[in-house]
PDB file of N, CA and C in Angstrom:
ATOM      1  N   MET A   1     -22.351  22.094   0.857  1.00  0.00           N
ATOM      2  CA  MET A   1     -20.929  22.315   1.081  1.00  0.00           C
ATOM      3  C   MET A   1     -20.131  21.094   0.629  1.00  0.00           C
ATOM      4  N   MET A   2     -18.980  21.348   0.054  1.00  0.00           N
ATOM      5  CA  MET A   2     -18.122  20.294  -0.481  1.00  0.00           C
ATOM      6  C   MET A   2     -17.358  19.599   0.656  1.00  0.00           C
ATOM      7  N   PRO A   3     -17.277  18.260   0.619  1.00  0.00           N
ATOM      8  CA  PRO A   3     -16.455  17.575   1.637  1.00  0.00           C
ATOM      9  C   PRO A   3     -14.996  18.004   1.532  1.00  0.00           C
ATOM     10  N   TRP A   4     -14.278  17.979   2.642  1.00  0.00           N
ATOM     11  CA  TRP A   4     -12.900  18.484   2.671  1.00  0.00           C
ATOM     12  C   TRP A   4     -11.977  17.723   1.744  1.00  0.00           C
ATOM     13  N   TRP A   5     -12.218  16.426   1.519  1.00  0.00           N
ATOM     14  CA  TRP A   5     -11.319  15.639   0.663  1.00  0.00           C
ATOM     15  C   TRP A   5     -11.522  15.923  -0.823  1.00  0.00           C
ATOM     16  N   LYS A   6     -12.557  16.671  -1.172  1.00  0.00           N
ATOM     17  CA  LYS A   6     -12.763  17.053  -2.565  1.00  0.00           C
ATOM     18  C   LYS A   6     -12.368  18.499  -2.827  1.00  0.00           C
ATOM     19  N   SER A   7     -11.847  19.162  -1.826  1.00  0.00           N
ATOM     20  CA  SER A   7     -11.481  20.569  -1.964  1.00  0.00           C
ATOM     21  C   SER A   7     -10.273  20.728  -2.890  1.00  0.00           C
ATOM     22  N   PRO A   8     -10.396  21.535  -3.938  1.00  0.00           N
ATOM     23  CA  PRO A   8      -9.250  21.777  -4.819  1.00  0.00           C
ATOM     24  C   PRO A   8      -8.073  22.420  -4.096  1.00  0.00           C
ATOM     25  N   TYR A   9      -8.361  23.179  -3.047  1.00  0.00           N
ATOM     26  CA  TYR A   9      -7.285  23.829  -2.290  1.00  0.00           C
ATOM     27  C   TYR A   9      -6.428  22.805  -1.563  1.00  0.00           C
ATOM     28  N   LEU A  10      -7.040  21.738  -1.081  1.00  0.00           N
ATOM     29  CA  LEU A  10      -6.288  20.646  -0.469  1.00  0.00           C
ATOM     30  C   LEU A  10      -5.388  19.986  -1.521  1.00  0.00           C
ATOM     31  N   TYR A  11      -5.916  19.813  -2.722  1.00  0.00           N
ATOM     32  CA  TYR A  11      -5.134  19.200  -3.796  1.00  0.00           C
ATOM     33  C   TYR A  11      -3.953  20.079  -4.200  1.00  0.00           C
ATOM     34  N   ILE A  12      -4.123  21.392  -4.122  1.00  0.00           N
ATOM     35  CA  ILE A  12      -3.003  22.289  -4.423  1.00  0.00           C
ATOM     36  C   ILE A  12      -1.864  22.040  -3.449  1.00  0.00           C
ATOM     37  N   ILE A  13      -2.179  21.981  -2.176  1.00  0.00           N
ATOM     38  CA  ILE A  13      -1.145  21.767  -1.159  1.00  0.00           C
ATOM     39  C   ILE A  13      -0.512  20.395  -1.312  1.00  0.00           C
ATOM     40  N   VAL A  14      -1.335  19.367  -1.481  1.00  0.00           N
ATOM     41  CA  VAL A  14      -0.816  17.994  -1.593  1.00  0.00           C
ATOM     42  C   VAL A  14       0.047  17.839  -2.847  1.00  0.00           C
ATOM     43  N   THR A  15      -0.390  18.386  -3.974  1.00  0.00           N
ATOM     44  CA  THR A  15       0.411  18.229  -5.192  1.00  0.00           C
ATOM     45  C   THR A  15       1.738  18.965  -5.088  1.00  0.00           C
ATOM     46  N   GLN A  16       1.732  20.134  -4.479  1.00  0.00           N
ATOM     47  CA  GLN A  16       3.001  20.853  -4.309  1.00  0.00           C
ATOM     48  C   GLN A  16       3.930  20.094  -3.376  1.00  0.00           C
ATOM     49  N   ILE A  17       3.390  19.480  -2.337  1.00  0.00           N
ATOM     50  CA  ILE A  17       4.215  18.666  -1.438  1.00  0.00           C
ATOM     51  C   ILE A  17       4.792  17.479  -2.196  1.00  0.00           C
ATOM     52  N   LEU A  18       3.983  16.836  -3.035  1.00  0.00           N
ATOM     53  CA  LEU A  18       4.480  15.693  -3.812  1.00  0.00           C
ATOM     54  C   LEU A  18       5.560  16.113  -4.804  1.00  0.00           C
ATOM     55  N   PHE A  19       5.365  17.237  -5.485  1.00  0.00           N
ATOM     56  CA  PHE A  19       6.398  17.720  -6.398  1.00  0.00           C
ATOM     57  C   PHE A  19       7.689  18.035  -5.643  1.00  0.00           C
ATOM     58  N   THR A  20       7.559  18.621  -4.466  1.00  0.00           N
ATOM     59  CA  THR A  20       8.736  18.946  -3.669  1.00  0.00           C
ATOM     60  C   THR A  20       9.459  17.679  -3.220  1.00  0.00           C
ATOM     61  N   ILE A  21       8.714  16.673  -2.797  1.00  0.00           N
ATOM     62  CA  ILE A  21       9.322  15.395  -2.393  1.00  0.00           C
ATOM     63  C   ILE A  21      10.066  14.773  -3.566  1.00  0.00           C
ATOM     64  N   SER A  22       9.437  14.770  -4.741  1.00  0.00           N
ATOM     65  CA  SER A  22      10.103  14.167  -5.897  1.00  0.00           C
ATOM     66  C   SER A  22      11.347  14.958  -6.292  1.00  0.00           C
ATOM     67  N   ASP A  23      11.291  16.278  -6.160  1.00  0.00           N
ATOM     68  CA  ASP A  23      12.481  17.090  -6.448  1.00  0.00           C
ATOM     69  C   ASP A  23      13.623  16.761  -5.495  1.00  0.00           C
ATOM     70  N   LEU A  24      13.291  16.556  -4.226  1.00  0.00           N
ATOM     71  CA  LEU A  24      14.321  16.197  -3.246  1.00  0.00           C
ATOM     72  C   LEU A  24      14.910  14.819  -3.538  1.00  0.00           C
ATOM     73  N   ILE A  25      14.066  13.876  -3.943  1.00  0.00           N
ATOM     74  CA  ILE A  25      14.550  12.539  -4.308  1.00  0.00           C
ATOM     75  C   ILE A  25      15.489  12.630  -5.506  1.00  0.00           C
ATOM     76  N   GLY A  26      15.076  13.370  -6.524  1.00  0.00           N
ATOM     77  CA  GLY A  26      15.899  13.518  -7.726  1.00  0.00           C
ATOM     78  C   GLY A  26      17.223  14.206  -7.442  1.00  0.00           C
ATOM     79  N   ARG A  27      17.176  15.256  -6.643  1.00  0.00           N
ATOM     80  CA  ARG A  27      18.409  15.980  -6.314  1.00  0.00           C
ATOM     81  C   ARG A  27      19.378  15.092  -5.551  1.00  0.00           C
ATOM     82  N   SER A  28      18.857  14.349  -4.597  1.00  0.00           N
ATOM     83  CA  SER A  28      19.705  13.454  -3.805  1.00  0.00           C
ATOM     84  C   SER A  28      20.332  12.363  -4.678  1.00  0.00           C
ATOM     85  N   ALA A  29      19.529  11.762  -5.534  1.00  0.00           N
ATOM     86  CA  ALA A  29      20.032  10.685  -6.398  1.00  0.00           C
ATOM     87  C   ALA A  29      21.046  11.205  -7.410  1.00  0.00           C
ATOM     88  N   MET A  30      20.804  12.382  -7.958  1.00  0.00           N
ATOM     89  CA  MET A  30      21.735  12.940  -8.932  1.00  0.00           C
ATOM     90  C   MET A  30      23.065  13.316  -8.285  1.00  0.00           C
ATOM     91  N   LYS A  31      23.020  13.788  -7.048  1.00  0.00           N
ATOM     92  CA  LYS A  31      24.272  14.078  -6.342  1.00  0.00           C
ATOM     93  C   LYS A  31      25.080  12.811  -6.120  1.00  0.00           C
ATOM     94  N   GLU A  32      24.384  11.753  -5.737  1.00  0.00           N
ATOM     95  CA  GLU A  32      25.054  10.496  -5.394  1.00  0.00           C
ATOM     96  C   GLU A  32      25.518   9.724  -6.622  1.00  0.00           C
ATOM     97  N   LYS A  33      24.663   9.588  -7.624  1.00  0.00           N
ATOM     98  CA  LYS A  33      24.947   8.709  -8.760  1.00  0.00           C
ATOM     99  C   LYS A  33      25.410   9.445 -10.010  1.00  0.00           C
ATOM    100  N   GLY A  34      25.136  10.729 -10.100  1.00  0.00           N
ATOM    101  CA  GLY A  34      25.506  11.472 -11.294  1.00  0.00           C
ATOM    102  C   GLY A  34      24.481  11.300 -12.401  1.00  0.00           C
ATOM    103  N   PHE A  35      24.669  12.061 -13.443  1.00  0.00           N
ATOM    104  CA  PHE A  35      23.737  12.059 -14.569  1.00  0.00           C
ATOM    105  C   PHE A  35      24.217  11.048 -15.609  1.00  0.00           C
ATOM    106  N   THR A  36      23.965   9.767 -15.321  1.00  0.00           N
ATOM    107  CA  THR A  36      24.348   8.697 -16.231  1.00  0.00           C
ATOM    108  C   THR A  36      23.138   7.813 -16.511  1.00  0.00           C
ATOM    109  N   LEU A  37      23.222   7.030 -17.559  1.00  0.00           N
ATOM    110  CA  LEU A  37      22.117   6.139 -17.913  1.00  0.00           C
ATOM    111  C   LEU A  37      21.829   5.143 -16.803  1.00  0.00           C
ATOM    112  N   SER A  38      22.855   4.610 -16.187  1.00  0.00           N
ATOM    113  CA  SER A  38      22.643   3.600 -15.143  1.00  0.00           C
ATOM    114  C   SER A  38      21.910   4.164 -13.925  1.00  0.00           C
ATOM    115  N   SER A  39      22.083   5.449 -13.664  1.00  0.00           N
ATOM    116  CA  SER A  39      21.386   6.016 -12.509  1.00  0.00           C
ATOM    117  C   SER A  39      19.883   6.109 -12.759  1.00  0.00           C
ATOM    118  N   PHE A  40      19.461   6.198 -14.005  1.00  0.00           N
ATOM    119  CA  PHE A  40      18.037   6.269 -14.320  1.00  0.00           C
ATOM    120  C   PHE A  40      17.373   4.896 -14.384  1.00  0.00           C
ATOM    121  N   LEU A  41      18.141   3.857 -14.234  1.00  0.00           N
ATOM    122  CA  LEU A  41      17.581   2.503 -14.248  1.00  0.00           C
ATOM    123  C   LEU A  41      17.341   1.981 -12.841  1.00  0.00           C
ATOM    124  N   GLY A  42      17.581   2.793 -11.839  1.00  0.00           N
ATOM    125  CA  GLY A  42      17.397   2.383 -10.453  1.00  0.00           C
ATOM    126  C   GLY A  42      15.970   2.592  -9.970  1.00  0.00           C
ATOM    127  N   GLY A  43      15.688   2.070  -8.785  1.00  0.00           N
ATOM    128  CA  GLY A  43      14.358   2.175  -8.192  1.00  0.00           C
ATOM    129  C   GLY A  43      13.970   3.595  -7.833  1.00  0.00           C
ATOM    130  N   TRP A  44      14.963   4.432  -7.521  1.00  0.00           N
ATOM    131  CA  TRP A  44      14.651   5.812  -7.149  1.00  0.00           C
ATOM    132  C   TRP A  44      13.956   6.538  -8.283  1.00  0.00           C
ATOM    133  N   PHE A  45      14.328   6.223  -9.531  1.00  0.00           N
ATOM    134  CA  PHE A  45      13.746   6.920 -10.671  1.00  0.00           C
ATOM    135  C   PHE A  45      12.293   6.500 -10.885  1.00  0.00           C
ATOM    136  N   LEU A  46      12.000   5.236 -10.651  1.00  0.00           N
ATOM    137  CA  LEU A  46      10.623   4.767 -10.750  1.00  0.00           C
ATOM    138  C   LEU A  46       9.755   5.439  -9.683  1.00  0.00           C
ATOM    139  N   LEU A  47      10.271   5.539  -8.469  1.00  0.00           N
ATOM    140  CA  LEU A  47       9.565   6.230  -7.398  1.00  0.00           C
ATOM    141  C   LEU A  47       9.361   7.701  -7.745  1.00  0.00           C
ATOM    142  N   TYR A  48      10.392   8.327  -8.268  1.00  0.00           N
ATOM    143  CA  TYR A  48      10.341   9.730  -8.705  1.00  0.00           C
ATOM    144  C   TYR A  48       9.228   9.925  -9.734  1.00  0.00           C
ATOM    145  N   LEU A  49       9.188   9.068 -10.739  1.00  0.00           N
ATOM    146  CA  LEU A  49       8.169   9.188 -11.783  1.00  0.00           C
ATOM    147  C   LEU A  49       6.763   8.946 -11.243  1.00  0.00           C
ATOM    148  N   LEU A  50       6.625   7.970 -10.360  1.00  0.00           N
ATOM    149  CA  LEU A  50       5.319   7.660  -9.783  1.00  0.00           C
ATOM    150  C   LEU A  50       4.782   8.843  -8.977  1.00  0.00           C
ATOM    151  N   ILE A  51       5.623   9.422  -8.138  1.00  0.00           N
ATOM    152  CA  ILE A  51       5.198  10.570  -7.334  1.00  0.00           C
ATOM    153  C   ILE A  51       4.810  11.740  -8.235  1.00  0.00           C
ATOM    154  N   ARG A  52       5.595  11.987  -9.270  1.00  0.00           N
ATOM    155  CA  ARG A  52       5.301  13.116 -10.171  1.00  0.00           C
ATOM    156  C   ARG A  52       4.015  12.879 -10.962  1.00  0.00           C
ATOM    157  N   GLN A  53       3.733  11.639 -11.323  1.00  0.00           N
ATOM    158  CA  GLN A  53       2.486  11.351 -12.044  1.00  0.00           C
ATOM    159  C   GLN A  53       1.269  11.583 -11.159  1.00  0.00           C
ATOM    160  N   ILE A  54       1.361  11.169  -9.903  1.00  0.00           N
ATOM    161  CA  ILE A  54       0.257  11.399  -8.970  1.00  0.00           C
ATOM    162  C   ILE A  54       0.051  12.900  -8.763  1.00  0.00           C
ATOM    163  N   ALA A  55       1.145  13.634  -8.626  1.00  0.00           N
ATOM    164  CA  ALA A  55       1.053  15.085  -8.457  1.00  0.00           C
ATOM    165  C   ALA A  55       0.460  15.747  -9.696  1.00  0.00           C
ATOM    166  N   THR A  56       0.806  15.270 -10.865  1.00  0.00           N
ATOM    167  CA  THR A  56       0.262  15.828 -12.104  1.00  0.00           C
ATOM    168  C   THR A  56      -1.237  15.580 -12.200  1.00  0.00           C
ATOM    169  N   MET A  57      -1.683  14.404 -11.805  1.00  0.00           N
ATOM    170  CA  MET A  57      -3.121  14.109 -11.797  1.00  0.00           C
ATOM    171  C   MET A  57      -3.847  15.058 -10.846  1.00  0.00           C
ATOM    172  N   GLY A  58      -3.253  15.324  -9.695  1.00  0.00           N
ATOM    173  CA  GLY A  58      -3.850  16.268  -8.752  1.00  0.00           C
ATOM    174  C   GLY A  58      -3.935  17.665  -9.334  1.00  0.00           C
ATOM    175  N   GLN A  59      -2.891  18.086 -10.043  1.00  0.00           N
ATOM    176  CA  GLN A  59      -2.930  19.405 -10.669  1.00  0.00           C
ATOM    177  C   GLN A  59      -4.012  19.477 -11.741  1.00  0.00           C
ATOM    178  N   LEU A  60      -4.188  18.413 -12.494  1.00  0.00           N
ATOM    179  CA  LEU A  60      -5.244  18.411 -13.510  1.00  0.00           C
ATOM    180  C   LEU A  60      -6.617  18.538 -12.866  1.00  0.00           C
ATOM    181  N   TYR A  61      -6.811  17.897 -11.700  1.00  0.00           N
ATOM    182  CA  TYR A  61      -8.063  18.033 -10.970  1.00  0.00           C
ATOM    183  C   TYR A  61      -8.288  19.494 -10.570  1.00  0.00           C
ATOM    184  N   VAL A  62      -7.240  20.127 -10.068  1.00  0.00           N
ATOM    185  CA  VAL A  62      -7.343  21.530  -9.651  1.00  0.00           C
ATOM    186  C   VAL A  62      -7.637  22.420 -10.853  1.00  0.00           C
ATOM    187  N   PHE A  63      -6.942  22.218 -11.963  1.00  0.00           N
ATOM    188  CA  PHE A  63      -7.166  23.040 -13.145  1.00  0.00           C
ATOM    189  C   PHE A  63      -8.599  22.896 -13.671  1.00  0.00           C
ATOM    190  N   ALA A  64      -9.198  21.721 -13.467  1.00  0.00           N
ATOM    191  CA  ALA A  64     -10.565  21.496 -13.929  1.00  0.00           C
ATOM    192  C   ALA A  64     -11.603  22.136 -13.008  1.00  0.00           C
ATOM    193  N   ASN A  65     -11.222  22.463 -11.771  1.00  0.00           N
ATOM    194  CA  ASN A  65     -12.205  22.933 -10.803  1.00  0.00           C
ATOM    195  C   ASN A  65     -12.030  24.370 -10.314  1.00  0.00           C
ATOM    196  N   ILE A  66     -10.926  24.999 -10.622  1.00  0.00           N
ATOM    197  CA  ILE A  66     -10.707  26.400 -10.226  1.00  0.00           C
ATOM    198  C   ILE A  66     -10.258  27.158 -11.466  1.00  0.00           C
ATOM    199  N   GLU A  67     -10.668  28.411 -11.571  1.00  0.00           N
ATOM    200  CA  GLU A  67     -10.252  29.199 -12.730  1.00  0.00           C
ATOM    201  C   GLU A  67      -8.730  29.360 -12.747  1.00  0.00           C
ATOM    202  N   LEU A  68      -8.185  29.488 -13.927  1.00  0.00           N
ATOM    203  CA  LEU A  68      -6.744  29.434 -14.149  1.00  0.00           C
ATOM    204  C   LEU A  68      -5.967  30.496 -13.370  1.00  0.00           C
ATOM    205  N   GLY A  69      -6.449  31.711 -13.336  1.00  0.00           N
ATOM    206  CA  GLY A  69      -5.732  32.779 -12.638  1.00  0.00           C
ATOM    207  C   GLY A  69      -5.548  32.490 -11.163  1.00  0.00           C
ATOM    208  N   LYS A  70      -6.615  32.049 -10.508  1.00  0.00           N
ATOM    209  CA  LYS A  70      -6.523  31.699  -9.089  1.00  0.00           C
ATOM    210  C   LYS A  70      -5.614  30.492  -8.883  1.00  0.00           C
ATOM    211  N   THR A  71      -5.733  29.526  -9.763  1.00  0.00           N
ATOM    212  CA  THR A  71      -4.951  28.299  -9.636  1.00  0.00           C
ATOM    213  C   THR A  71      -3.462  28.590  -9.681  1.00  0.00           C
ATOM    214  N   MET A  72      -3.030  29.352 -10.653  1.00  0.00           N
ATOM    215  CA  MET A  72      -1.597  29.623 -10.789  1.00  0.00           C
ATOM    216  C   MET A  72      -1.073  30.435  -9.618  1.00  0.00           C
ATOM    217  N   ALA A  73      -1.876  31.375  -9.136  1.00  0.00           N
ATOM    218  CA  ALA A  73      -1.459  32.156  -7.974  1.00  0.00           C
ATOM    219  C   ALA A  73      -1.328  31.267  -6.741  1.00  0.00           C
ATOM    220  N   LEU A  74      -2.267  30.355  -6.557  1.00  0.00           N
ATOM    221  CA  LEU A  74      -2.218  29.461  -5.403  1.00  0.00           C
ATOM    222  C   LEU A  74      -1.057  28.471  -5.503  1.00  0.00           C
ATOM    223  N   PHE A  75      -0.809  27.935  -6.693  1.00  0.00           N
ATOM    224  CA  PHE A  75       0.346  27.042  -6.864  1.00  0.00           C
ATOM    225  C   PHE A  75       1.651  27.783  -6.587  1.00  0.00           C
ATOM    226  N   GLY A  76       1.750  29.017  -7.073  1.00  0.00           N
ATOM    227  CA  GLY A  76       2.951  29.809  -6.828  1.00  0.00           C
ATOM    228  C   GLY A  76       3.159  30.084  -5.351  1.00  0.00           C
ATOM    229  N   ALA A  77       2.085  30.474  -4.659  1.00  0.00           N
ATOM    230  CA  ALA A  77       2.192  30.755  -3.223  1.00  0.00           C
ATOM    231  C   ALA A  77       2.558  29.500  -2.445  1.00  0.00           C
ATOM    232  N   ALA A  78       1.930  28.377  -2.788  1.00  0.00           N
ATOM    233  CA  ALA A  78       2.221  27.125  -2.081  1.00  0.00           C
ATOM    234  C   ALA A  78       3.672  26.697  -2.295  1.00  0.00           C
ATOM    235  N   SER A  79       4.195  26.863  -3.493  1.00  0.00           N
ATOM    236  CA  SER A  79       5.582  26.451  -3.750  1.00  0.00           C
ATOM    237  C   SER A  79       6.569  27.349  -3.016  1.00  0.00           C
ATOM    238  N   ILE A  80       6.266  28.639  -2.909  1.00  0.00           N
ATOM    239  CA  ILE A  80       7.152  29.548  -2.171  1.00  0.00           C
ATOM    240  C   ILE A  80       7.166  29.199  -0.686  1.00  0.00           C
ATOM    241  N   VAL A  81       6.003  28.947  -0.130  1.00  0.00           N
ATOM    242  CA  VAL A  81       5.913  28.592   1.299  1.00  0.00           C
ATOM    243  C   VAL A  81       6.657  27.283   1.566  1.00  0.00           C
ATOM    244  N   LEU A  82       6.414  26.276   0.718  1.00  0.00           N
ATOM    245  CA  LEU A  82       7.079  24.977   0.912  1.00  0.00           C
ATOM    246  C   LEU A  82       8.599  25.097   0.772  1.00  0.00           C
ATOM    247  N   SER A  83       9.064  25.827  -0.209  1.00  0.00           N
ATOM    248  CA  SER A  83      10.517  25.949  -0.380  1.00  0.00           C
ATOM    249  C   SER A  83      11.143  26.690   0.781  1.00  0.00           C
ATOM    250  N   ASN A  84      10.466  27.682   1.338  1.00  0.00           N
ATOM    251  CA  ASN A  84      10.993  28.366   2.514  1.00  0.00           C
ATOM    252  C   ASN A  84      11.014  27.474   3.736  1.00  0.00           C
ATOM    253  N   ILE A  85       9.987  26.661   3.906  1.00  0.00           N
ATOM    254  CA  ILE A  85       9.975  25.717   5.029  1.00  0.00           C
ATOM    255  C   ILE A  85      11.112  24.720   4.900  1.00  0.00           C
ATOM    256  N   LEU A  86      11.295  24.173   3.703  1.00  0.00           N
ATOM    257  CA  LEU A  86      12.376  23.202   3.487  1.00  0.00           C
ATOM    258  C   LEU A  86      13.763  23.830   3.650  1.00  0.00           C
ATOM    259  N   SER A  87      13.925  25.056   3.212  1.00  0.00           N
ATOM    260  CA  SER A  87      15.228  25.694   3.363  1.00  0.00           C
ATOM    261  C   SER A  87      15.523  25.976   4.844  1.00  0.00           C
ATOM    262  N   PHE A  88      14.485  26.242   5.608  1.00  0.00           N
ATOM    263  CA  PHE A  88      14.664  26.448   7.047  1.00  0.00           C
ATOM    264  C   PHE A  88      15.060  25.150   7.733  1.00  0.00           C
ATOM    265  N   LEU A  89      14.426  24.048   7.306  1.00  0.00           N
ATOM    266  CA  LEU A  89      14.710  22.745   7.930  1.00  0.00           C
ATOM    267  C   LEU A  89      16.042  22.217   7.442  1.00  0.00           C
TER     268      LEU A  89
END
């Protein structure tokens, strides 16, 4: 049996949470600073990129370990659940 920390299903949930966090950071910063060059030179953008890179690495791990059809369905379901939870909160 596979240890829980190597489970691709855990990575699906974690990567979707990371993408959602980065989306919230980007939305907040864009509302506050606007879409200008100076706003992309701030620390928030570096944090945004770092979180998205980690999430992308997690997705690549999932794509390498689960067949594509299941993976896309699970990513879609996880994103719908997370967006509904966030909209409720």
